[in-house]
N, C-alpha and C. Protein backbone atom coordinates (compact mmCIF):
# COMPACT_ATOMS: atom_id res chain seq x y z
N MET A 1 79.41 181.94 -61.28
CA MET A 1 79.29 181.26 -62.82
C MET A 1 78.42 181.65 -63.00
N ASP A 2 77.69 181.76 -64.21
CA ASP A 2 76.22 182.29 -64.90
C ASP A 2 76.01 181.02 -65.77
N PHE A 3 74.88 180.70 -65.99
CA PHE A 3 73.89 179.90 -66.58
C PHE A 3 74.97 179.19 -68.19
N LYS A 4 75.49 180.43 -68.79
CA LYS A 4 75.61 180.30 -70.38
C LYS A 4 77.32 179.53 -69.65
N GLN A 5 77.83 180.38 -68.87
CA GLN A 5 79.15 179.88 -68.65
C GLN A 5 79.25 178.02 -68.40
N ALA A 6 78.52 177.59 -67.29
CA ALA A 6 77.77 176.75 -66.86
C ALA A 6 77.55 175.20 -68.11
N ILE A 7 76.48 175.94 -69.13
CA ILE A 7 76.41 175.22 -70.39
C ILE A 7 77.73 175.05 -71.21
N GLY A 8 78.65 175.80 -71.06
CA GLY A 8 79.46 175.70 -72.14
C GLY A 8 80.20 174.63 -71.55
N ILE A 9 80.59 175.07 -70.11
CA ILE A 9 82.11 174.27 -69.59
C ILE A 9 81.08 172.98 -69.72
N THR A 10 79.53 172.61 -69.26
CA THR A 10 79.19 171.17 -69.31
C THR A 10 79.52 170.13 -71.00
N GLU A 11 78.82 171.28 -71.73
CA GLU A 11 78.77 170.89 -72.66
C GLU A 11 80.07 170.34 -73.74
N ASN A 12 81.51 171.13 -73.30
CA ASN A 12 82.54 170.62 -73.70
C ASN A 12 83.58 169.76 -72.44
N SER A 13 83.06 169.18 -71.66
CA SER A 13 83.38 167.80 -71.07
C SER A 13 83.30 166.73 -71.29
N LYS A 14 84.53 166.01 -71.33
CA LYS A 14 83.82 164.55 -71.84
C LYS A 14 82.79 163.94 -71.76
N GLU A 15 82.15 164.20 -70.79
CA GLU A 15 81.05 163.10 -70.07
C GLU A 15 80.00 163.97 -71.12
N PHE A 16 79.94 164.76 -71.45
CA PHE A 16 78.45 165.38 -72.23
C PHE A 16 79.14 164.94 -73.98
N LYS A 17 80.27 164.85 -74.26
CA LYS A 17 80.75 164.67 -75.09
C LYS A 17 80.43 162.84 -75.78
N ASP A 18 80.85 162.32 -74.69
CA ASP A 18 80.69 161.22 -74.81
C ASP A 18 79.18 161.00 -75.08
N PHE A 19 78.21 161.31 -73.98
CA PHE A 19 76.93 160.87 -74.18
C PHE A 19 76.22 161.76 -76.10
N SER A 20 76.70 162.78 -75.90
CA SER A 20 76.17 163.25 -77.55
C SER A 20 76.55 162.48 -78.36
N LYS A 21 77.42 161.80 -78.40
CA LYS A 21 78.15 160.71 -79.53
C LYS A 21 77.13 159.86 -79.77
N LYS A 22 76.40 159.38 -78.84
CA LYS A 22 75.28 158.49 -78.51
C LYS A 22 73.87 158.57 -78.97
N ASN A 23 73.90 159.93 -78.05
CA ASN A 23 72.54 160.44 -78.17
C ASN A 23 72.63 161.35 -78.80
N ALA A 24 72.75 162.03 -80.23
CA ALA A 24 72.72 163.30 -81.22
C ALA A 24 71.37 163.79 -80.88
N HIS A 25 70.13 162.89 -80.36
CA HIS A 25 68.77 163.66 -80.58
C HIS A 25 68.44 164.27 -79.17
N TYR A 26 69.01 164.49 -78.33
CA TYR A 26 68.91 164.94 -77.04
C TYR A 26 69.30 166.46 -77.36
N TYR A 27 68.48 167.27 -76.81
CA TYR A 27 68.50 169.22 -76.89
C TYR A 27 68.23 169.77 -75.80
N LEU A 28 68.96 171.30 -75.17
CA LEU A 28 68.95 171.85 -73.96
C LEU A 28 67.30 171.97 -73.98
N VAL A 29 67.03 171.86 -72.81
CA VAL A 29 65.78 172.11 -72.24
C VAL A 29 65.63 172.90 -70.90
N HIS A 30 66.25 172.91 -69.96
CA HIS A 30 66.45 173.47 -69.26
C HIS A 30 67.72 173.82 -67.92
N VAL A 31 67.50 174.71 -67.75
CA VAL A 31 68.93 174.67 -66.64
C VAL A 31 68.43 175.36 -64.87
N PHE A 32 69.13 174.69 -64.31
CA PHE A 32 68.08 174.89 -62.78
C PHE A 32 69.29 175.07 -61.62
N SER A 33 68.64 175.75 -60.82
CA SER A 33 69.90 176.36 -59.83
C SER A 33 69.14 176.80 -58.57
N THR A 34 69.39 176.76 -57.15
CA THR A 34 69.00 177.41 -56.34
C THR A 34 70.11 178.45 -55.61
N MET A 35 69.20 179.21 -54.73
CA MET A 35 69.65 180.86 -54.65
C MET A 35 69.71 180.37 -52.79
N ASP A 36 71.38 180.01 -52.52
CA ASP A 36 71.66 179.44 -51.27
C ASP A 36 73.01 179.29 -51.33
N SER A 37 73.92 179.79 -49.95
CA SER A 37 75.13 179.88 -50.08
C SER A 37 75.86 178.15 -50.48
N LEU A 38 75.55 177.02 -49.98
CA LEU A 38 75.80 175.63 -50.26
C LEU A 38 76.01 175.66 -52.04
N ASN A 39 74.90 176.09 -52.15
CA ASN A 39 74.75 175.44 -54.16
C ASN A 39 74.32 176.44 -54.90
N ASP A 40 75.39 177.40 -54.76
CA ASP A 40 75.16 178.50 -55.74
C ASP A 40 76.03 178.43 -56.64
N ASN A 41 77.06 177.50 -56.78
CA ASN A 41 78.04 176.90 -57.54
C ASN A 41 77.43 175.84 -58.49
N VAL A 42 76.28 175.37 -58.20
CA VAL A 42 75.67 174.22 -58.77
C VAL A 42 74.47 174.13 -59.53
N TRP A 43 74.95 173.94 -61.34
CA TRP A 43 73.89 174.17 -62.11
C TRP A 43 73.14 172.44 -62.24
N GLN A 44 72.33 172.43 -62.55
CA GLN A 44 71.33 171.33 -63.27
C GLN A 44 71.06 171.51 -64.74
N ILE A 45 71.71 170.70 -65.70
CA ILE A 45 70.87 171.31 -67.28
C ILE A 45 70.76 170.26 -67.34
N GLY A 46 69.38 170.45 -68.40
CA GLY A 46 69.00 169.25 -68.34
C GLY A 46 68.29 168.94 -70.36
N TYR A 47 68.53 168.04 -70.52
CA TYR A 47 68.40 167.73 -72.37
C TYR A 47 67.43 166.67 -72.57
N TYR A 48 66.30 166.90 -73.25
CA TYR A 48 65.20 165.88 -73.51
C TYR A 48 65.56 165.58 -74.92
N SER A 49 65.09 164.19 -75.16
CA SER A 49 64.79 163.57 -76.16
C SER A 49 63.60 163.22 -76.60
N LYS A 50 62.82 163.84 -77.72
CA LYS A 50 61.57 163.47 -78.45
C LYS A 50 61.24 161.54 -78.91
N GLU A 51 62.70 161.38 -79.02
CA GLU A 51 62.72 159.94 -79.17
C GLU A 51 62.20 158.79 -77.95
N THR A 52 63.09 159.35 -77.02
CA THR A 52 62.78 158.91 -76.07
C THR A 52 61.69 159.05 -75.09
N ASP A 53 61.50 159.80 -75.13
CA ASP A 53 60.40 161.01 -74.12
C ASP A 53 61.24 160.80 -72.79
N LYS A 54 62.58 161.09 -73.06
CA LYS A 54 63.13 160.47 -71.62
C LYS A 54 64.24 162.33 -71.21
N LEU A 55 64.91 162.43 -70.06
CA LEU A 55 65.10 163.83 -69.97
C LEU A 55 66.28 163.26 -69.20
N VAL A 56 67.80 164.08 -69.39
CA VAL A 56 68.84 163.27 -68.46
C VAL A 56 69.20 164.88 -68.46
N VAL A 57 69.84 164.74 -67.00
CA VAL A 57 70.57 166.07 -66.35
C VAL A 57 71.65 165.70 -65.81
N PHE A 58 72.42 166.93 -66.72
CA PHE A 58 74.16 167.04 -66.13
C PHE A 58 74.22 167.74 -65.01
N GLU A 59 74.56 167.53 -64.52
CA GLU A 59 74.96 168.29 -62.81
C GLU A 59 76.37 169.17 -63.07
N ASN A 60 76.38 170.14 -62.83
CA ASN A 60 77.38 171.26 -63.17
C ASN A 60 78.00 171.69 -61.76
N ASN A 61 78.88 171.24 -61.04
CA ASN A 61 79.45 171.74 -59.83
C ASN A 61 80.78 171.96 -59.19
N ASN A 62 80.69 173.36 -59.63
CA ASN A 62 81.87 173.67 -59.02
C ASN A 62 83.03 173.06 -60.69
N ASP A 63 82.40 173.44 -61.76
CA ASP A 63 83.27 172.40 -62.98
C ASP A 63 83.37 170.74 -63.01
N LEU A 64 82.70 170.41 -62.35
CA LEU A 64 82.81 168.81 -61.96
C LEU A 64 81.59 168.51 -62.57
N ILE A 65 81.54 167.47 -63.57
CA ILE A 65 80.48 167.39 -64.58
C ILE A 65 79.99 165.98 -63.68
N LEU A 66 78.67 165.44 -63.88
CA LEU A 66 78.13 164.61 -62.93
C LEU A 66 76.78 164.31 -64.27
N ILE A 67 76.62 163.20 -64.40
CA ILE A 67 75.67 162.88 -65.29
C ILE A 67 74.59 162.14 -64.37
N HIS A 68 73.23 162.41 -64.76
CA HIS A 68 72.01 161.67 -64.11
C HIS A 68 71.46 160.43 -64.67
N PRO A 69 71.29 159.70 -64.73
CA PRO A 69 70.31 158.67 -65.22
C PRO A 69 68.98 159.20 -65.73
N ALA A 70 69.10 158.82 -67.13
CA ALA A 70 67.42 159.38 -67.90
C ALA A 70 66.54 158.59 -67.31
N GLU A 71 65.69 159.94 -67.25
CA GLU A 71 64.40 159.91 -66.16
C GLU A 71 63.16 160.22 -67.37
N ASP A 72 61.98 159.46 -67.17
CA ASP A 72 60.35 160.18 -67.44
C ASP A 72 60.70 161.62 -67.90
N ALA A 73 59.97 162.58 -68.71
CA ALA A 73 59.98 163.53 -68.69
C ALA A 73 58.16 164.16 -68.03
N LEU A 74 58.59 164.58 -67.07
CA LEU A 74 57.40 165.24 -66.39
C LEU A 74 56.87 166.61 -67.00
N LYS A 75 55.86 166.23 -67.82
CA LYS A 75 55.58 167.41 -69.01
C LYS A 75 53.65 167.68 -69.19
N LYS A 76 53.56 168.67 -69.77
CA LYS A 76 52.13 169.03 -69.73
C LYS A 76 51.60 168.55 -71.52
N GLU A 77 52.66 168.90 -72.40
CA GLU A 77 52.37 169.25 -73.50
C GLU A 77 53.30 167.33 -74.26
N GLU A 78 53.00 168.08 -75.41
CA GLU A 78 53.04 166.65 -76.58
C GLU A 78 54.84 166.40 -76.23
N TYR A 79 55.59 167.58 -76.20
CA TYR A 79 57.18 167.51 -75.99
C TYR A 79 57.77 168.58 -75.62
N ILE A 80 58.49 168.79 -74.71
CA ILE A 80 59.32 169.50 -74.13
C ILE A 80 59.76 170.30 -75.31
N GLN A 81 59.73 171.97 -74.89
CA GLN A 81 60.27 172.46 -75.48
C GLN A 81 62.02 173.32 -76.00
N MET A 82 62.22 173.44 -76.89
CA MET A 82 63.83 173.87 -76.99
C MET A 82 64.21 174.95 -75.94
N LEU A 83 64.99 175.25 -75.01
CA LEU A 83 65.65 176.48 -74.86
C LEU A 83 66.39 176.90 -75.39
N GLU A 84 66.19 178.75 -76.31
CA GLU A 84 66.81 178.62 -77.27
C GLU A 84 67.98 179.85 -76.75
N LEU A 85 68.93 178.97 -76.52
CA LEU A 85 70.04 179.82 -76.01
C LEU A 85 70.57 181.11 -76.67
N ASP A 86 70.56 181.23 -77.79
CA ASP A 86 71.03 182.10 -78.48
C ASP A 86 70.27 183.34 -78.19
N LYS A 87 69.18 183.07 -78.09
CA LYS A 87 68.37 184.56 -78.03
C LYS A 87 67.98 184.84 -76.55
N LEU A 88 68.43 184.24 -75.68
CA LEU A 88 68.75 184.71 -73.77
C LEU A 88 69.36 185.88 -73.44
N LYS A 89 68.75 186.74 -73.16
CA LYS A 89 69.88 187.58 -72.91
C LYS A 89 69.87 187.77 -70.94
N ILE A 90 69.02 187.56 -70.19
CA ILE A 90 68.45 187.78 -69.03
C ILE A 90 69.54 186.56 -68.05
N SER A 91 70.26 187.40 -67.42
CA SER A 91 71.21 186.46 -66.34
C SER A 91 70.46 186.35 -65.52
N LYS A 92 71.09 184.64 -64.65
CA LYS A 92 70.49 184.64 -63.08
C LYS A 92 70.79 185.89 -62.36
N SER A 93 71.81 186.62 -62.73
CA SER A 93 71.77 188.08 -61.67
C SER A 93 71.09 188.87 -62.16
N ASP A 94 70.39 189.09 -63.09
CA ASP A 94 69.82 190.06 -63.26
C ASP A 94 68.02 189.42 -63.34
N ALA A 95 68.06 188.49 -63.65
CA ALA A 95 67.08 187.73 -62.83
C ALA A 95 66.37 188.19 -61.43
N VAL A 96 67.68 187.67 -60.73
CA VAL A 96 67.67 188.05 -59.19
C VAL A 96 67.63 189.35 -59.03
N SER A 97 67.91 189.96 -59.29
CA SER A 97 67.27 191.87 -59.41
C SER A 97 65.99 191.82 -59.86
N ILE A 98 65.83 191.89 -60.66
CA ILE A 98 63.86 191.87 -61.15
C ILE A 98 62.95 191.42 -60.32
N CYS A 99 63.11 189.89 -59.82
CA CYS A 99 62.57 189.78 -58.83
C CYS A 99 62.62 189.88 -57.41
N ASP A 100 63.68 190.76 -57.23
CA ASP A 100 63.88 191.46 -55.72
C ASP A 100 62.95 192.67 -55.81
N GLY A 101 62.56 193.05 -56.50
CA GLY A 101 62.13 194.46 -56.95
C GLY A 101 60.52 193.68 -57.14
N VAL A 102 59.62 192.71 -57.55
CA VAL A 102 58.68 192.15 -57.32
C VAL A 102 58.81 191.91 -55.69
N LEU A 103 59.50 191.71 -55.51
CA LEU A 103 58.91 191.28 -54.24
C LEU A 103 58.90 192.33 -53.20
N LYS A 104 59.94 193.11 -53.54
CA LYS A 104 60.14 194.74 -52.38
C LYS A 104 58.56 195.35 -53.17
N GLU A 105 58.25 195.16 -54.17
CA GLU A 105 56.74 195.82 -54.58
C GLU A 105 55.26 195.11 -53.97
N ASN A 106 55.61 193.90 -54.26
CA ASN A 106 54.09 193.50 -54.05
C ASN A 106 54.22 192.47 -53.06
N TYR A 107 55.40 191.52 -52.33
CA TYR A 107 55.36 190.50 -51.04
C TYR A 107 56.31 191.50 -50.08
N LYS A 108 56.27 192.14 -49.58
CA LYS A 108 57.37 192.97 -48.99
C LYS A 108 57.59 192.68 -47.40
N TYR A 109 56.09 191.83 -46.99
CA TYR A 109 56.20 191.51 -45.76
C TYR A 109 56.58 189.94 -45.48
N GLU A 110 57.04 189.69 -46.66
CA GLU A 110 57.35 188.11 -46.77
C GLU A 110 58.91 188.22 -46.04
N SER A 111 59.33 186.95 -45.34
CA SER A 111 60.41 186.51 -44.88
C SER A 111 60.80 185.58 -45.86
N LEU A 112 61.85 185.24 -46.85
CA LEU A 112 62.37 184.03 -47.48
C LEU A 112 63.03 183.28 -47.34
N ASN A 113 62.62 182.11 -47.46
CA ASN A 113 63.42 180.89 -46.81
C ASN A 113 64.67 180.30 -48.22
N LYS A 114 63.52 180.18 -49.75
CA LYS A 114 64.88 179.36 -50.15
C LYS A 114 64.17 179.83 -51.87
N ALA A 115 64.98 179.94 -52.55
CA ALA A 115 64.71 180.54 -54.06
C ALA A 115 65.06 179.38 -54.79
N ILE A 116 64.11 178.97 -56.20
CA ILE A 116 64.37 178.10 -56.65
C ILE A 116 64.46 178.65 -58.64
N PHE A 117 65.50 178.35 -59.36
CA PHE A 117 65.41 179.46 -60.70
C PHE A 117 65.52 178.30 -61.54
N LEU A 118 64.45 178.15 -62.56
CA LEU A 118 64.80 177.17 -63.82
C LEU A 118 64.10 177.95 -64.87
N LEU A 119 65.39 178.01 -65.68
CA LEU A 119 64.91 178.38 -67.05
C LEU A 119 64.80 177.43 -67.80
N GLN A 120 63.86 177.69 -68.55
CA GLN A 120 62.93 176.91 -69.30
C GLN A 120 61.69 177.49 -70.17
N ASN A 121 61.87 176.70 -71.46
CA ASN A 121 60.61 177.03 -72.78
C ASN A 121 59.42 177.07 -72.29
N LEU A 122 58.17 177.62 -72.11
CA LEU A 122 57.02 177.17 -71.73
C LEU A 122 56.30 177.52 -72.64
N PRO A 123 55.47 176.36 -73.31
CA PRO A 123 54.54 177.00 -74.52
C PRO A 123 54.11 178.19 -74.06
N GLU A 124 53.14 178.38 -72.99
CA GLU A 124 52.21 179.53 -72.71
C GLU A 124 53.10 180.85 -72.45
N TYR A 125 54.85 180.78 -72.54
CA TYR A 125 55.09 182.19 -72.24
C TYR A 125 56.29 182.55 -72.54
N GLY A 126 57.22 181.26 -73.52
CA GLY A 126 58.15 181.22 -74.41
C GLY A 126 59.92 180.89 -73.14
N ASN A 127 60.55 181.47 -73.69
CA ASN A 127 61.66 181.17 -72.62
C ASN A 127 61.54 181.84 -71.18
N VAL A 128 61.65 181.57 -70.63
CA VAL A 128 61.57 182.32 -69.06
C VAL A 128 62.48 181.31 -68.00
N TRP A 129 62.54 182.84 -67.30
CA TRP A 129 62.75 182.64 -65.75
C TRP A 129 61.87 182.09 -64.49
N ASN A 130 61.64 180.80 -64.36
CA ASN A 130 60.58 180.27 -63.87
C ASN A 130 61.34 180.24 -62.35
N ILE A 131 60.83 181.60 -61.51
CA ILE A 131 61.58 181.00 -59.80
C ILE A 131 60.43 181.08 -59.43
N THR A 132 61.00 180.10 -57.97
CA THR A 132 59.88 179.43 -56.91
C THR A 132 60.98 179.87 -55.67
N ILE A 133 59.80 181.00 -54.82
CA ILE A 133 60.44 181.10 -53.59
C ILE A 133 59.95 180.44 -52.57
N ILE A 134 60.29 180.07 -51.36
CA ILE A 134 59.73 179.53 -50.04
C ILE A 134 59.85 180.49 -49.34
N THR A 135 58.75 180.78 -48.55
CA THR A 135 58.46 181.63 -47.59
C THR A 135 58.92 181.20 -46.40
N GLU A 136 59.10 181.72 -45.24
CA GLU A 136 59.23 181.20 -43.86
C GLU A 136 57.91 180.87 -43.01
N THR A 137 56.94 181.77 -43.86
CA THR A 137 55.55 181.67 -43.48
C THR A 137 54.23 180.37 -44.64
N PHE A 138 55.15 179.30 -45.26
CA PHE A 138 55.12 178.27 -46.18
C PHE A 138 54.20 178.82 -47.04
N SER A 139 54.71 179.93 -47.58
CA SER A 139 53.67 180.32 -48.97
C SER A 139 54.87 180.15 -50.20
N VAL A 140 54.47 179.91 -51.16
CA VAL A 140 55.40 179.90 -52.43
C VAL A 140 54.62 180.97 -53.33
N ILE A 141 56.06 182.35 -53.52
CA ILE A 141 55.61 182.81 -55.02
C ILE A 141 56.35 182.47 -55.56
N ASN A 142 55.80 182.66 -56.87
CA ASN A 142 56.25 182.64 -58.57
C ASN A 142 56.21 183.05 -58.81
N ILE A 143 57.57 183.72 -59.66
CA ILE A 143 57.63 184.97 -60.72
C ILE A 143 58.17 184.05 -61.86
N LYS A 144 57.43 184.46 -62.73
CA LYS A 144 58.17 184.42 -64.51
C LYS A 144 58.56 185.58 -65.06
N ILE A 145 59.93 185.42 -65.36
CA ILE A 145 60.94 186.50 -65.74
C ILE A 145 61.06 186.31 -67.34
N ASP A 146 60.76 186.81 -68.43
CA ASP A 146 60.60 186.83 -69.47
C ASP A 146 62.22 187.24 -70.14
N ALA A 147 63.02 185.74 -70.78
CA ALA A 147 64.34 185.48 -70.81
C ALA A 147 65.06 186.18 -71.38
N ILE A 148 64.27 187.02 -72.81
CA ILE A 148 64.88 187.34 -73.78
C ILE A 148 64.43 189.09 -73.44
N THR A 149 63.25 189.77 -72.30
CA THR A 149 63.31 190.83 -72.31
C THR A 149 63.42 191.41 -71.10
N GLY A 150 63.41 190.53 -70.01
CA GLY A 150 63.36 190.42 -68.61
C GLY A 150 62.30 191.42 -68.22
N LYS A 151 60.96 191.30 -68.63
CA LYS A 151 59.69 191.47 -68.80
C LYS A 151 59.09 190.91 -67.71
N VAL A 152 58.21 190.81 -66.11
CA VAL A 152 58.09 190.20 -65.36
C VAL A 152 56.38 189.68 -65.99
N VAL A 153 56.27 188.44 -66.62
CA VAL A 153 55.13 188.32 -67.24
C VAL A 153 53.99 187.23 -66.48
N LYS A 154 54.41 187.18 -65.14
CA LYS A 154 53.21 186.79 -64.19
C LYS A 154 54.17 186.78 -62.73
N HIS A 155 53.32 186.78 -61.79
CA HIS A 155 53.98 186.77 -60.04
C HIS A 155 52.19 186.43 -59.73
N GLU A 156 52.91 185.25 -58.63
CA GLU A 156 51.35 184.80 -57.89
C GLU A 156 52.00 184.47 -56.56
N LYS A 157 50.96 184.04 -55.56
CA LYS A 157 51.64 183.69 -54.26
C LYS A 157 50.57 182.89 -53.75
N GLN A 158 50.71 181.89 -53.57
CA GLN A 158 49.97 180.36 -52.87
C GLN A 158 50.60 180.03 -51.66
N ASN A 159 49.23 179.38 -51.00
CA ASN A 159 50.52 179.23 -49.61
C ASN A 159 50.07 177.39 -49.50
N LEU A 160 51.70 176.87 -48.92
CA LEU A 160 51.73 175.62 -49.53
C LEU A 160 50.52 174.91 -48.64
N MET A 161 49.66 174.84 -47.70
CA MET A 161 49.04 174.42 -46.78
C MET A 161 47.57 174.02 -47.75
N ASN A 162 47.51 174.58 -49.02
CA ASN A 162 46.35 174.88 -49.90
C ASN A 162 46.58 173.64 -51.13
N TRP A 163 47.82 173.28 -50.66
CA TRP A 163 48.00 172.23 -51.84
C TRP A 163 47.88 170.67 -51.62
N ARG A 164 47.58 170.54 -50.79
CA ARG A 164 46.68 169.29 -50.43
C ARG A 164 45.90 168.32 -51.13
N SER A 165 45.72 167.17 -51.59
CA SER A 165 44.98 166.76 -52.33
C SER A 165 44.16 166.73 -51.71
């Protein structure tokens, strides 16, 4: 299942409809998924409210919908940008293919452990697939792909050991 299907199923669920009746001020801000055999059909879909400055996540696990309690939003800007769903053309499988190309060209000697896919609207990049890959050597590769055009807008590698505070 791709993100648009996951969103459609989620937004047509009783859980979401009940939530939306009482919370019409929440809007779609992210779609989260990992790349592994255990969680391939699990999507976390986030909705944010400027009024409450809270984020509510709906988890779609093989069409079973769970709602997580509202949490404070982690953000740099004044508010979190709305995900422009109608403009998005790059599916998760497209993002995986583009990501594979970047990895083969720039990071071919890295052994991958886990990949995290976050579709979001970042002020500096717009609607992007923000992909974080953890390698066997504890490096983190981050790739940002424009979710409208498929263009790679940024990629970088950092070592987790350098993240100490």
